[in-house]
C-alpha cells in the first residue's frame, strides 16, 4: 500500500510505501517519476502539480492507495499552479491617439469594444485577443502599441504574422501611429536577409512565420549553438535589443501545433518578451491546440509537456475529452487570458445556403465502388478490424471524389460529367449575367480550380491558388487581386484558401464553395472575406454538397462541431458540466454513405 498526503508545513505531496511486497518496483516507479526521497518522513515527494496528480493515478495500477478525499480534491486544484506571470497595471489611454483615429463604433452593447480591447491589452501583459474577422484587430494592436510606447511600457516590438499580412501591418502602423512611428522605425525581415540582429537598429520588426522559422534556424547554424533540428539554446541576442520588449503574434493559430519547428522557435525565444499578445479570429476550434497558445503566455502555470497534459484532459490521445478537466482548464487558464469579441459591428445580412446536388447514376455507382474498396482496404490493413480513427485518417480520398472523380484518375470520367457543374453554372448566370454581381468560387484542389477557370473563361476569371506553376506567384497575389477587384469587367474570382486571410473581398456579394475543406480555420476565415462594415449589400454563400456522401460529415461533424468547441472555449458564460459533456465528448454516428442521423 502507498499512503499519500499533502503536508501543509513543507508544501509537498508525500508518497509513503507501507508494507508492500512490490517495494522495489514502487521505488523504481518513484525514481522514474522524478520524485525526491525525503529522509525525515521516509517518503517520496513532489510539488502539488499535474505530475503529482498523475503519479497518484498511475499508482492505482500498482497497489492500494490510502488518501483522503480532501487531498484528492486539493491535488486536482493544484494541477495549474499559481504564478505571477500575468501582471496588471493601472494605465490610462492617450486620448490624442483616438482623436486622430477614432475607434469603430459597435452595435449595442458593444459600442466601445475596440477601446475596451485596447485598454485590456495595455493593462495586462499577457493576452489572447479572440476577435472576429473584420473587427479591426490590426487597429487594436496598433493603438495598443502606440499607448505602450507613449507610457514608456515598451521600447521595442516584434511582430510575426502570415505572409499576406506583413505589408498590411506595416502600413496600418504608419497610418494609425503617424507622428509617433516613422518608416525608419520599422523593419521588415525578408528572405533576402534572415539575420534578425541586423535589424536591431529599428524599434519595430515585422516578419512572417515562415521567415521567422528560417531566421532562427539560420542564427542557430551561424552561431554553432547546436546541431539539433530543435535547439534548446537561443542564438538570437534579443536581450541586446532594447529592454522592454513586446511580441505580437497575428493570426496566432500558426502556434497551434506545439511540436512543429515554427512553434518550437516561438516558445524558445518567448522569455525575451515580458509583454506578449496573441490575436486571431479563428482560434479554439481544436481544444488541444490551446495548450501551445496558453503555454506561450503563461508557461509556469502549465509546467509539463504537451503529452502529459493531453493524457490528463483526454482519452486515447485526444480522440475524446474528459469534460470536467476541460472545464477546469478553461476556467483556470483560458478565462484569465482570452478577450473575445464577436458580432460587434453592423453587418448586412448573410444568407448561407446548403445547395444539394444529385449524383448521376454513373457517379453514384463509382462512389459506391470507391466506398466499398475504401472499407475493404481498411479491413485488410486492420486484420479484420476497422477503427474510427483509421477511417478519419483516410476520408480525404472520399473528399477528393466529391470534389471531382478526375482527381482519382478514374477511367471514362470527364470533369464536365460532374453534376455540380450544372448547378454552379446556374448560380453564375444568376449572379453575374442577371444581377451583374461579382462572385467568388472557393475550392481546394488547384487542378479543379484551373478546370473551372477554363470552363468560365468568358468571364475573364482570376484564378489564384498555391501552385505557382499554374497560378500567380505568392509575391504577386495581393497586388493582382486588388487590381482585379476594381476592374468592372472582371466578375469572377476562383481561388483556394491562400486568400482566406489578410485580404478584404467586399467588392463581391456572392460566393460558392465547390467543395468543403475540413480545415475549420480556412473555412471560417474565407467565408468572412466579403463581410464587414464596408459591405453595404446582402451577401450569399452557397455550399455545393452531394447528399449521401462525405460532404455531410465534413459540414456537420467537422466544421459545425468544431464551431461548437470554439464557442464553448471563448464563452464568458458559466457553462454547466453537462454542456461540456455534450460538446467535448458527444456520441456520434459516423458513416460513409447514407443520410446524416442526429
Foldseek 3Di string as FASTA:
>chain_A
DWEWDQDPVVQKIWTADDPDPCVVVVVVVLVVLVWDADPVVRTTIDHLELSVLVSVVVCVVPDDYHDDPVRNVVSLVPNQPDDPLKAFDDDDADVVLCVLPPAQQWDPPCRPVLVVLLNVLLGIQFAEEQEAPQRCPLLSVLSNVLRCVVVVLAQAEEEEEAPLCQVVSLVSNCVSCPVNDDPQQEEEDDPVDLQVLVSLVHRYYYYYLVSVLVSQVVQCVVVVVDPDLQDLAGRRPLVVRGQAYEYEYEQVCVLQDCPDSSVSVLQSPLVSHSGYYYYDNDPQLQLLSVVSVQCSRPVSSNVDDSVSVQVVQAPPSQPFGDLVSSLSCLVVTVVVHYDYDDNGHDWAAEAEAAAAFEQDPVLVVVLVVVVVVLVVVQCVVVVNDHDPVNCVVPCVVQQVVLLPVVVVVDPPDDRVNRRVVVVVVVVCCVCCVPVNFAEEEEEDDLVSLVVVCVVPVVLVEQEDEDPVVPHPDPVCVVVVVVVLLPDSSHRYYYYYQVVLDDAANLSGAEYEYSGDDLPLRSVSSNVCRNMYPVRDDYHYYYYYHYAFACRVCSVVVRNVLSVLSSCVSNDPDSDDSVSSCCRRPNDADDDGGDHGDD
